Amino acid sequence: MQIVSFAEAEVPDGLRAQVRDLQESAWPTGTAPDVVHDPALKPLSMLLVDGDVVVAALDILQKQLDHAGTSFLAGGLSTVVTRADRRGRGHGRQLILAARSTMLEQGLDLGIFTCDRPLRIFYESAGWQPLRGTVLIGGTPADPFPSDLPGFDKVTLAAFFTPKAQQAEPTFHKARIPLHPGTIDKLW
């Protein structure tokens, strides 16, 4: 098995079709668009492949994040999915570990994202730390989409890569973080 990475729009057709099928099986929409994310977020697709079979996939999104008077280059994980018949074998964990390393190599200050509460331990096992009481504000400033909406059961996770981000880490706890990734990726 190997991990391959492509700009989302450049994923080869055969792999792209498999990724869309995996995403559609996890989050049914009735449609499977070729490009899921806003290109302004520089989506990087990472795939764990076994021969020509996509075993797991995720996307890394990134943007400037202004928080507590400081600007950070932040990234987040999105659309993390593993084939149902391959779950429980460490493939998803292998991929999110690689994504964390890739974010560091890309020069991001930090990684920050939300996940469903039951997945918190999965992400923690790969080095992501929960930010208890922290809410990401998605959407746009004019049409915010906070991760603490009624009915949502989300946890915010982060990794602080650079000294600037590590020094600012305390400001990220129990905070409302204005991520605002836009209208396509309301919350990554």
N, C-alpha and C. Protein backbone atom coordinates (compact mmCIF):
# COMPACT_ATOMS: atom_id res chain seq x y z
N MET A 1 0.84 -1.18 0.00
CA MET A 1 0.00 0.00 0.00
C MET A 1 0.88 1.24 0.00
N GLN A 2 0.34 2.28 -0.60
CA GLN A 2 1.07 3.54 -0.64
C GLN A 2 0.10 4.71 -0.53
N ILE A 3 0.65 5.85 -0.10
CA ILE A 3 -0.13 7.08 -0.02
C ILE A 3 0.27 7.95 -1.19
N VAL A 4 -0.73 8.43 -1.92
CA VAL A 4 -0.50 9.33 -3.04
C VAL A 4 -1.28 10.61 -2.78
N SER A 5 -0.76 11.72 -3.29
CA SER A 5 -1.39 13.02 -3.07
C SER A 5 -1.52 13.76 -4.39
N PHE A 6 -2.62 14.47 -4.53
CA PHE A 6 -2.90 15.26 -5.72
C PHE A 6 -3.69 16.50 -5.30
N ALA A 7 -3.53 17.58 -6.05
CA ALA A 7 -4.51 18.66 -5.92
C ALA A 7 -5.86 18.02 -6.24
N GLU A 8 -6.91 18.38 -5.51
CA GLU A 8 -8.18 17.69 -5.67
C GLU A 8 -8.63 17.62 -7.14
N ALA A 9 -8.49 18.70 -7.87
CA ALA A 9 -8.94 18.73 -9.27
C ALA A 9 -8.08 17.87 -10.18
N GLU A 10 -6.93 17.40 -9.69
CA GLU A 10 -6.01 16.61 -10.52
C GLU A 10 -5.97 15.13 -10.15
N VAL A 11 -6.87 14.68 -9.29
CA VAL A 11 -6.91 13.25 -8.96
C VAL A 11 -7.29 12.50 -10.23
N PRO A 12 -6.51 11.47 -10.62
CA PRO A 12 -6.84 10.71 -11.83
C PRO A 12 -8.26 10.15 -11.78
N ASP A 13 -8.90 10.10 -12.95
CA ASP A 13 -10.32 9.76 -13.05
C ASP A 13 -10.70 8.48 -12.32
N GLY A 14 -9.95 7.40 -12.49
CA GLY A 14 -10.29 6.13 -11.84
C GLY A 14 -10.26 6.21 -10.33
N LEU A 15 -9.26 6.91 -9.81
CA LEU A 15 -9.18 7.10 -8.36
C LEU A 15 -10.26 8.05 -7.88
N ARG A 16 -10.50 9.11 -8.66
CA ARG A 16 -11.52 10.10 -8.29
C ARG A 16 -12.89 9.44 -8.17
N ALA A 17 -13.23 8.57 -9.09
CA ALA A 17 -14.52 7.88 -9.05
C ALA A 17 -14.65 7.05 -7.77
N GLN A 18 -13.57 6.38 -7.38
CA GLN A 18 -13.61 5.58 -6.15
C GLN A 18 -13.75 6.47 -4.91
N VAL A 19 -13.03 7.59 -4.90
CA VAL A 19 -13.12 8.51 -3.77
C VAL A 19 -14.55 9.04 -3.65
N ARG A 20 -15.14 9.43 -4.76
CA ARG A 20 -16.51 9.95 -4.73
C ARG A 20 -17.49 8.88 -4.24
N ASP A 21 -17.29 7.62 -4.66
CA ASP A 21 -18.14 6.53 -4.19
C ASP A 21 -18.00 6.35 -2.67
N LEU A 22 -16.75 6.42 -2.16
CA LEU A 22 -16.54 6.31 -0.72
C LEU A 22 -17.22 7.45 0.02
N GLN A 23 -17.06 8.67 -0.49
CA GLN A 23 -17.68 9.83 0.15
C GLN A 23 -19.20 9.72 0.11
N GLU A 24 -19.72 9.28 -1.01
CA GLU A 24 -21.17 9.15 -1.14
C GLU A 24 -21.72 8.07 -0.22
N SER A 25 -20.93 7.02 0.01
CA SER A 25 -21.40 5.98 0.93
C SER A 25 -21.38 6.48 2.39
N ALA A 26 -20.46 7.37 2.70
CA ALA A 26 -20.37 7.91 4.07
C ALA A 26 -21.34 9.06 4.30
N TRP A 27 -21.50 9.92 3.30
CA TRP A 27 -22.35 11.11 3.42
C TRP A 27 -23.24 11.21 2.18
N PRO A 28 -24.30 10.43 2.11
CA PRO A 28 -25.14 10.40 0.91
C PRO A 28 -25.74 11.76 0.58
N THR A 29 -25.55 12.15 -0.68
CA THR A 29 -26.12 13.40 -1.16
C THR A 29 -27.00 13.18 -2.38
N GLY A 30 -26.85 12.04 -3.03
CA GLY A 30 -27.57 11.79 -4.28
C GLY A 30 -26.82 12.30 -5.49
N THR A 31 -25.76 13.06 -5.23
CA THR A 31 -24.90 13.54 -6.32
C THR A 31 -23.46 13.30 -5.90
N ALA A 32 -22.61 13.16 -6.87
CA ALA A 32 -21.19 12.96 -6.57
C ALA A 32 -20.38 13.90 -7.47
N PRO A 33 -20.23 15.15 -7.07
CA PRO A 33 -19.51 16.11 -7.92
C PRO A 33 -18.03 15.73 -8.05
N ASP A 34 -17.43 16.16 -9.16
CA ASP A 34 -16.01 15.88 -9.38
C ASP A 34 -15.14 16.58 -8.35
N VAL A 35 -15.49 17.81 -8.03
CA VAL A 35 -14.73 18.60 -7.07
C VAL A 35 -15.65 18.95 -5.91
N VAL A 36 -15.25 18.55 -4.71
CA VAL A 36 -16.09 18.72 -3.52
C VAL A 36 -15.81 20.04 -2.81
N HIS A 37 -14.58 20.51 -2.88
CA HIS A 37 -14.15 21.65 -2.06
C HIS A 37 -13.94 22.91 -2.88
N ASP A 38 -13.99 24.03 -2.18
CA ASP A 38 -13.73 25.34 -2.77
C ASP A 38 -12.25 25.39 -3.17
N PRO A 39 -11.95 25.65 -4.44
CA PRO A 39 -10.54 25.72 -4.86
C PRO A 39 -9.72 26.77 -4.11
N ALA A 40 -10.37 27.79 -3.57
CA ALA A 40 -9.66 28.83 -2.80
C ALA A 40 -9.01 28.25 -1.55
N LEU A 41 -9.48 27.08 -1.09
CA LEU A 41 -8.93 26.44 0.11
C LEU A 41 -7.79 25.48 -0.23
N LYS A 42 -7.35 25.49 -1.47
CA LYS A 42 -6.21 24.68 -1.94
C LYS A 42 -6.34 23.21 -1.51
N PRO A 43 -7.46 22.56 -1.86
CA PRO A 43 -7.65 21.18 -1.41
C PRO A 43 -6.59 20.22 -1.96
N LEU A 44 -5.99 19.49 -1.03
CA LEU A 44 -5.02 18.46 -1.37
C LEU A 44 -5.63 17.12 -0.99
N SER A 45 -5.83 16.26 -1.97
CA SER A 45 -6.40 14.93 -1.72
C SER A 45 -5.27 13.96 -1.43
N MET A 46 -5.41 13.23 -0.34
CA MET A 46 -4.46 12.19 0.02
C MET A 46 -5.21 10.86 0.03
N LEU A 47 -4.65 9.89 -0.69
CA LEU A 47 -5.30 8.60 -0.85
C LEU A 47 -4.37 7.49 -0.42
N LEU A 48 -4.87 6.56 0.35
CA LEU A 48 -4.15 5.33 0.66
C LEU A 48 -4.67 4.30 -0.33
N VAL A 49 -3.78 3.83 -1.20
CA VAL A 49 -4.19 2.91 -2.26
C VAL A 49 -3.48 1.57 -2.11
N ASP A 50 -4.20 0.55 -2.45
CA ASP A 50 -3.68 -0.81 -2.48
C ASP A 50 -3.81 -1.26 -3.93
N GLY A 51 -2.69 -1.17 -4.66
CA GLY A 51 -2.75 -1.40 -6.11
C GLY A 51 -3.53 -0.27 -6.74
N ASP A 52 -4.68 -0.60 -7.34
CA ASP A 52 -5.51 0.45 -7.94
C ASP A 52 -6.81 0.67 -7.15
N VAL A 53 -6.83 0.20 -5.90
CA VAL A 53 -8.01 0.34 -5.04
C VAL A 53 -7.77 1.40 -3.98
N VAL A 54 -8.66 2.37 -3.89
CA VAL A 54 -8.59 3.39 -2.84
C VAL A 54 -9.14 2.78 -1.55
N VAL A 55 -8.27 2.68 -0.55
CA VAL A 55 -8.64 2.10 0.74
C VAL A 55 -9.16 3.19 1.68
N ALA A 56 -8.52 4.35 1.65
CA ALA A 56 -8.93 5.47 2.51
C ALA A 56 -8.57 6.76 1.78
N ALA A 57 -9.29 7.82 2.13
CA ALA A 57 -9.06 9.11 1.48
C ALA A 57 -9.38 10.24 2.45
N LEU A 58 -8.74 11.36 2.22
CA LEU A 58 -9.05 12.58 2.95
C LEU A 58 -8.59 13.76 2.14
N ASP A 59 -9.03 14.93 2.54
CA ASP A 59 -8.57 16.16 1.91
C ASP A 59 -8.06 17.09 3.00
N ILE A 60 -6.98 17.79 2.67
CA ILE A 60 -6.45 18.84 3.53
C ILE A 60 -6.85 20.17 2.89
N LEU A 61 -7.49 21.02 3.66
CA LEU A 61 -7.86 22.36 3.22
C LEU A 61 -7.03 23.36 4.01
N GLN A 62 -6.80 24.54 3.42
CA GLN A 62 -6.02 25.54 4.15
C GLN A 62 -6.47 26.95 3.84
N LYS A 63 -6.24 27.82 4.80
CA LYS A 63 -6.54 29.24 4.63
C LYS A 63 -5.89 30.03 5.76
N GLN A 64 -5.85 31.34 5.58
CA GLN A 64 -5.40 32.22 6.66
C GLN A 64 -6.48 32.25 7.73
N LEU A 65 -6.08 32.19 8.96
CA LEU A 65 -6.99 32.23 10.10
C LEU A 65 -6.52 33.35 11.01
N ASP A 66 -7.39 34.33 11.23
CA ASP A 66 -7.07 35.42 12.14
C ASP A 66 -7.75 35.12 13.47
N HIS A 67 -6.92 35.05 14.51
CA HIS A 67 -7.44 34.71 15.83
C HIS A 67 -6.60 35.40 16.90
N ALA A 68 -7.25 36.02 17.85
CA ALA A 68 -6.61 36.67 18.99
C ALA A 68 -5.50 37.63 18.56
N GLY A 69 -5.78 38.37 17.48
CA GLY A 69 -4.83 39.39 17.02
C GLY A 69 -3.66 38.86 16.23
N THR A 70 -3.68 37.59 15.86
CA THR A 70 -2.58 37.00 15.11
C THR A 70 -3.13 36.27 13.89
N SER A 71 -2.36 36.30 12.81
CA SER A 71 -2.74 35.59 11.59
C SER A 71 -1.94 34.30 11.50
N PHE A 72 -2.63 33.21 11.22
CA PHE A 72 -2.01 31.89 11.12
C PHE A 72 -2.36 31.27 9.77
N LEU A 73 -1.46 30.49 9.23
CA LEU A 73 -1.79 29.65 8.08
C LEU A 73 -2.28 28.33 8.67
N ALA A 74 -3.58 28.10 8.52
CA ALA A 74 -4.22 26.95 9.16
C ALA A 74 -4.69 25.96 8.11
N GLY A 75 -4.67 24.70 8.49
CA GLY A 75 -5.19 23.64 7.65
C GLY A 75 -6.15 22.79 8.44
N GLY A 76 -6.98 22.07 7.72
CA GLY A 76 -7.92 21.18 8.38
C GLY A 76 -8.15 19.94 7.57
N LEU A 77 -8.54 18.88 8.25
CA LEU A 77 -8.89 17.64 7.58
C LEU A 77 -10.35 17.69 7.19
N SER A 78 -10.65 17.13 6.03
CA SER A 78 -12.03 17.08 5.56
C SER A 78 -12.25 15.76 4.83
N THR A 79 -13.48 15.33 4.82
CA THR A 79 -13.92 14.13 4.09
C THR A 79 -13.01 12.92 4.33
N VAL A 80 -12.71 12.65 5.58
CA VAL A 80 -11.89 11.49 5.94
C VAL A 80 -12.78 10.25 5.88
N VAL A 81 -12.37 9.28 5.07
CA VAL A 81 -13.21 8.09 4.89
C VAL A 81 -12.34 6.88 4.57
N THR A 82 -12.77 5.72 5.09
CA THR A 82 -12.12 4.44 4.82
C THR A 82 -13.17 3.48 4.28
N ARG A 83 -12.78 2.66 3.34
CA ARG A 83 -13.71 1.64 2.80
C ARG A 83 -14.29 0.83 3.95
N ALA A 84 -15.57 0.59 3.92
CA ALA A 84 -16.24 -0.14 5.00
C ALA A 84 -15.63 -1.52 5.23
N ASP A 85 -15.24 -2.19 4.15
CA ASP A 85 -14.68 -3.55 4.29
C ASP A 85 -13.22 -3.56 4.73
N ARG A 86 -12.62 -2.38 4.94
CA ARG A 86 -11.24 -2.29 5.37
C ARG A 86 -11.08 -1.55 6.70
N ARG A 87 -12.18 -1.20 7.33
CA ARG A 87 -12.11 -0.46 8.60
C ARG A 87 -11.60 -1.36 9.72
N GLY A 88 -11.03 -0.70 10.73
CA GLY A 88 -10.54 -1.42 11.90
C GLY A 88 -9.17 -2.02 11.73
N ARG A 89 -8.48 -1.67 10.65
CA ARG A 89 -7.14 -2.24 10.38
C ARG A 89 -6.03 -1.18 10.45
N GLY A 90 -6.38 0.04 10.87
CA GLY A 90 -5.38 1.09 11.01
C GLY A 90 -5.13 1.91 9.76
N HIS A 91 -5.90 1.67 8.69
CA HIS A 91 -5.67 2.40 7.44
C HIS A 91 -6.01 3.89 7.57
N GLY A 92 -7.13 4.19 8.19
CA GLY A 92 -7.50 5.60 8.38
C GLY A 92 -6.50 6.32 9.26
N ARG A 93 -6.06 5.65 10.31
CA ARG A 93 -5.07 6.24 11.22
C ARG A 93 -3.77 6.51 10.47
N GLN A 94 -3.34 5.56 9.64
CA GLN A 94 -2.12 5.74 8.84
C GLN A 94 -2.25 6.98 7.96
N LEU A 95 -3.41 7.17 7.37
CA LEU A 95 -3.60 8.31 6.48
C LEU A 95 -3.65 9.63 7.24
N ILE A 96 -4.32 9.67 8.40
CA ILE A 96 -4.35 10.94 9.13
C ILE A 96 -3.01 11.28 9.76
N LEU A 97 -2.20 10.26 10.08
CA LEU A 97 -0.83 10.54 10.52
C LEU A 97 -0.03 11.17 9.38
N ALA A 98 -0.19 10.63 8.19
CA ALA A 98 0.52 11.18 7.02
C ALA A 98 0.03 12.60 6.72
N ALA A 99 -1.26 12.84 6.89
CA ALA A 99 -1.80 14.18 6.65
C ALA A 99 -1.22 15.18 7.64
N ARG A 100 -1.10 14.77 8.87
CA ARG A 100 -0.52 15.65 9.90
C ARG A 100 0.92 16.02 9.51
N SER A 101 1.69 15.03 9.07
CA SER A 101 3.07 15.29 8.62
C SER A 101 3.09 16.20 7.40
N THR A 102 2.16 15.99 6.49
CA THR A 102 2.09 16.82 5.29
C THR A 102 1.78 18.27 5.65
N MET A 103 0.89 18.48 6.59
CA MET A 103 0.57 19.85 7.02
C MET A 103 1.81 20.53 7.58
N LEU A 104 2.56 19.80 8.34
CA LEU A 104 3.80 20.34 8.90
C LEU A 104 4.78 20.68 7.78
N GLU A 105 4.93 19.77 6.82
CA GLU A 105 5.84 19.99 5.69
C GLU A 105 5.39 21.16 4.81
N GLN A 106 4.09 21.39 4.74
CA GLN A 106 3.56 22.50 3.93
C GLN A 106 3.81 23.86 4.59
N GLY A 107 4.31 23.85 5.81
CA GLY A 107 4.59 25.10 6.51
C GLY A 107 3.38 25.71 7.18
N LEU A 108 2.35 24.91 7.42
CA LEU A 108 1.19 25.43 8.13
C LEU A 108 1.55 25.70 9.59
N ASP A 109 0.96 26.74 10.14
CA ASP A 109 1.19 27.04 11.56
C ASP A 109 0.47 26.04 12.45
N LEU A 110 -0.73 25.65 12.03
CA LEU A 110 -1.51 24.73 12.84
C LEU A 110 -2.51 24.00 11.97
N GLY A 111 -2.97 22.88 12.50
CA GLY A 111 -4.09 22.16 11.93
C GLY A 111 -5.23 22.26 12.92
N ILE A 112 -6.43 22.51 12.42
CA ILE A 112 -7.60 22.62 13.30
C ILE A 112 -8.83 22.21 12.51
N PHE A 113 -9.68 21.41 13.13
CA PHE A 113 -10.88 20.92 12.46
C PHE A 113 -11.84 20.35 13.49
N THR A 114 -13.03 20.02 13.05
CA THR A 114 -14.01 19.38 13.93
C THR A 114 -14.26 17.96 13.45
N CYS A 115 -14.73 17.15 14.38
CA CYS A 115 -15.18 15.80 14.04
C CYS A 115 -16.36 15.45 14.92
N ASP A 116 -17.07 14.41 14.54
CA ASP A 116 -18.14 13.91 15.40
C ASP A 116 -17.52 13.39 16.69
N ARG A 117 -18.16 13.68 17.81
CA ARG A 117 -17.63 13.33 19.13
C ARG A 117 -17.14 11.88 19.24
N PRO A 118 -17.86 10.88 18.70
CA PRO A 118 -17.37 9.50 18.83
C PRO A 118 -16.02 9.24 18.13
N LEU A 119 -15.61 10.12 17.21
CA LEU A 119 -14.34 9.93 16.49
C LEU A 119 -13.15 10.60 17.20
N ARG A 120 -13.41 11.31 18.28
CA ARG A 120 -12.34 12.04 18.98
C ARG A 120 -11.16 11.13 19.32
N ILE A 121 -11.39 9.97 19.88
CA ILE A 121 -10.31 9.07 20.30
C ILE A 121 -9.49 8.61 19.10
N PHE A 122 -10.16 8.37 17.98
CA PHE A 122 -9.47 7.99 16.75
C PHE A 122 -8.45 9.06 16.36
N TYR A 123 -8.86 10.31 16.35
CA TYR A 123 -7.94 11.40 15.98
C TYR A 123 -6.87 11.62 17.04
N GLU A 124 -7.24 11.51 18.29
CA GLU A 124 -6.24 11.65 19.36
C GLU A 124 -5.13 10.60 19.22
N SER A 125 -5.48 9.41 18.75
CA SER A 125 -4.48 8.35 18.61
C SER A 125 -3.44 8.69 17.55
N ALA A 126 -3.73 9.68 16.73
CA ALA A 126 -2.79 10.11 15.69
C ALA A 126 -2.18 11.47 16.01
N GLY A 127 -2.24 11.88 17.27
CA GLY A 127 -1.53 13.09 17.69
C GLY A 127 -2.33 14.37 17.69
N TRP A 128 -3.62 14.32 17.35
CA TRP A 128 -4.45 15.51 17.41
C TRP A 128 -4.96 15.69 18.83
N GLN A 129 -4.99 16.91 19.31
CA GLN A 129 -5.46 17.15 20.67
C GLN A 129 -6.81 17.84 20.66
N PRO A 130 -7.71 17.40 21.53
CA PRO A 130 -9.01 18.07 21.60
C PRO A 130 -8.88 19.43 22.27
N LEU A 131 -9.64 20.37 21.76
CA LEU A 131 -9.72 21.70 22.36
C LEU A 131 -11.09 21.80 23.02
N ARG A 132 -11.15 21.38 24.26
CA ARG A 132 -12.42 21.34 24.97
C ARG A 132 -13.03 22.74 25.09
N GLY A 133 -14.30 22.80 24.73
CA GLY A 133 -15.00 24.07 24.82
C GLY A 133 -14.76 25.00 23.66
N THR A 134 -13.99 24.58 22.66
CA THR A 134 -13.70 25.43 21.51
C THR A 134 -14.70 25.17 20.40
N VAL A 135 -15.15 26.25 19.79
CA VAL A 135 -16.12 26.19 18.71
C VAL A 135 -15.49 26.81 17.47
N LEU A 136 -15.57 26.11 16.34
CA LEU A 136 -15.16 26.71 15.07
C LEU A 136 -16.38 27.37 14.45
N ILE A 137 -16.18 28.58 13.96
CA ILE A 137 -17.24 29.31 13.28
C ILE A 137 -16.97 29.19 11.79
N GLY A 138 -17.78 28.40 11.12
CA GLY A 138 -17.63 28.21 9.68
C GLY A 138 -18.48 29.20 8.91
N GLY A 139 -18.79 28.83 7.67
CA GLY A 139 -19.57 29.70 6.81
C GLY A 139 -18.81 30.97 6.47
N THR A 140 -19.52 32.07 6.52
CA THR A 140 -18.93 33.38 6.24
C THR A 140 -19.29 34.32 7.39
N PRO A 141 -18.60 35.47 7.49
CA PRO A 141 -18.99 36.42 8.54
C PRO A 141 -20.46 36.84 8.44
N ALA A 142 -20.98 36.97 7.22
CA ALA A 142 -22.37 37.37 7.03
C ALA A 142 -23.35 36.22 7.28
N ASP A 143 -22.88 35.00 7.12
CA ASP A 143 -23.73 33.81 7.30
C ASP A 143 -22.94 32.75 8.06
N PRO A 144 -22.72 32.97 9.37
CA PRO A 144 -21.87 32.06 10.15
C PRO A 144 -22.51 30.68 10.33
N PHE A 145 -21.63 29.69 10.49
CA PHE A 145 -22.05 28.29 10.67
C PHE A 145 -21.21 27.70 11.80
N PRO A 146 -21.63 27.91 13.06
CA PRO A 146 -20.82 27.46 14.19
C PRO A 146 -20.94 25.95 14.43
N SER A 147 -19.86 25.37 14.94
CA SER A 147 -19.84 23.93 15.18
C SER A 147 -20.64 23.52 16.41
N ASP A 148 -21.22 24.48 17.13
CA ASP A 148 -22.05 24.14 18.29
C ASP A 148 -23.53 24.37 18.01
N LEU A 149 -23.92 24.27 16.74
CA LEU A 149 -25.33 24.37 16.40
C LEU A 149 -26.13 23.29 17.12
N PRO A 150 -27.39 23.57 17.46
CA PRO A 150 -28.22 22.52 18.06
C PRO A 150 -28.27 21.29 17.15
N GLY A 151 -28.12 20.13 17.75
CA GLY A 151 -28.13 18.89 16.99
C GLY A 151 -26.76 18.43 16.53
N PHE A 152 -25.79 19.34 16.54
CA PHE A 152 -24.41 18.98 16.21
C PHE A 152 -23.76 18.44 17.47
N ASP A 153 -22.96 17.43 17.33
CA ASP A 153 -22.20 16.91 18.47
C ASP A 153 -20.75 16.84 18.02
N LYS A 154 -20.13 17.99 17.90
CA LYS A 154 -18.79 18.11 17.34
C LYS A 154 -17.75 18.39 18.42
N VAL A 155 -16.54 17.97 18.13
CA VAL A 155 -15.36 18.24 18.96
C VAL A 155 -14.36 18.94 18.05
N THR A 156 -13.68 19.94 18.57
CA THR A 156 -12.62 20.61 17.82
C THR A 156 -11.28 20.00 18.22
N LEU A 157 -10.48 19.68 17.20
CA LEU A 157 -9.15 19.10 17.41
C LEU A 157 -8.11 19.99 16.75
N ALA A 158 -6.88 19.93 17.27
CA ALA A 158 -5.83 20.78 16.73
C ALA A 158 -4.46 20.16 16.92
N ALA A 159 -3.52 20.67 16.16
CA ALA A 159 -2.09 20.40 16.33
C ALA A 159 -1.39 21.73 16.05
N PHE A 160 -0.48 22.12 16.92
CA PHE A 160 0.22 23.40 16.82
C PHE A 160 1.63 23.12 16.35
N PHE A 161 1.92 23.50 15.11
CA PHE A 161 3.18 23.11 14.46
C PHE A 161 4.33 24.09 14.67
N THR A 162 4.07 25.38 14.55
CA THR A 162 5.15 26.37 14.59
C THR A 162 5.26 26.98 15.98
N PRO A 163 6.41 27.57 16.28
CA PRO A 163 6.54 28.26 17.58
C PRO A 163 5.46 29.33 17.77
N LYS A 164 5.12 30.06 16.71
CA LYS A 164 4.08 31.09 16.82
C LYS A 164 2.75 30.46 17.26
N ALA A 165 2.39 29.33 16.65
CA ALA A 165 1.14 28.66 17.01
C ALA A 165 1.23 28.05 18.40
N GLN A 166 2.37 27.47 18.73
CA GLN A 166 2.54 26.86 20.06
C GLN A 166 2.41 27.91 21.15
N GLN A 167 2.96 29.09 20.91
CA GLN A 167 2.86 30.17 21.90
C GLN A 167 1.40 30.63 22.06
N ALA A 168 0.65 30.61 20.97
CA ALA A 168 -0.74 31.08 21.01
C ALA A 168 -1.72 29.99 21.43
N GLU A 169 -1.25 28.76 21.61
CA GLU A 169 -2.15 27.65 21.92
C GLU A 169 -3.17 27.97 23.02
N PRO A 170 -2.79 28.58 24.15
CA PRO A 170 -3.78 28.84 25.20
C PRO A 170 -4.98 29.67 24.73
N THR A 171 -4.79 30.51 23.71
CA THR A 171 -5.90 31.34 23.23
C THR A 171 -6.91 30.53 22.42
N PHE A 172 -6.55 29.31 22.04
CA PHE A 172 -7.44 28.46 21.25
C PHE A 172 -8.36 27.61 22.12
N HIS A 173 -8.09 27.52 23.40
CA HIS A 173 -8.91 26.73 24.30
C HIS A 173 -10.13 27.55 24.75
N LYS A 174 -11.29 26.90 24.79
CA LYS A 174 -12.54 27.54 25.22
C LYS A 174 -12.77 28.85 24.47
N ALA A 175 -12.54 28.80 23.16
CA ALA A 175 -12.66 29.99 22.32
C ALA A 175 -13.63 29.74 21.18
N ARG A 176 -14.09 30.83 20.60
CA ARG A 176 -14.89 30.76 19.38
C ARG A 176 -13.97 31.24 18.27
N ILE A 177 -13.59 30.33 17.39
CA ILE A 177 -12.58 30.59 16.37
C ILE A 177 -13.25 30.93 15.04
N PRO A 178 -13.02 32.13 14.48
CA PRO A 178 -13.65 32.53 13.23
C PRO A 178 -12.92 31.94 12.01
N LEU A 179 -13.22 30.70 11.69
CA LEU A 179 -12.58 30.02 10.56
C LEU A 179 -13.08 30.56 9.23
N HIS A 180 -14.38 30.66 9.07
CA HIS A 180 -15.05 31.19 7.87
C HIS A 180 -14.45 30.69 6.56
N PRO A 181 -14.56 29.37 6.26
CA PRO A 181 -14.03 28.85 5.01
C PRO A 181 -14.91 29.11 3.80
N GLY A 182 -16.10 29.69 3.98
CA GLY A 182 -16.93 30.04 2.83
C GLY A 182 -18.24 29.28 2.80
N THR A 183 -18.90 29.34 1.63
CA THR A 183 -20.22 28.74 1.48
C THR A 183 -20.18 27.31 0.98
N ILE A 184 -19.11 26.88 0.34
CA ILE A 184 -19.02 25.51 -0.15
C ILE A 184 -18.59 24.59 0.99
N ASP A 185 -17.51 24.92 1.64
CA ASP A 185 -17.00 24.15 2.78
C ASP A 185 -17.39 24.92 4.04
N LYS A 186 -18.64 24.83 4.40
CA LYS A 186 -19.11 25.61 5.55
C LYS A 186 -18.30 25.36 6.80
N LEU A 187 -17.87 24.12 6.98
CA LEU A 187 -17.08 23.76 8.14
C LEU A 187 -16.21 22.59 7.71
N TRP A 188 -14.91 22.75 7.82
CA TRP A 188 -14.08 21.63 7.35
C TRP A 188 -13.82 20.64 8.40
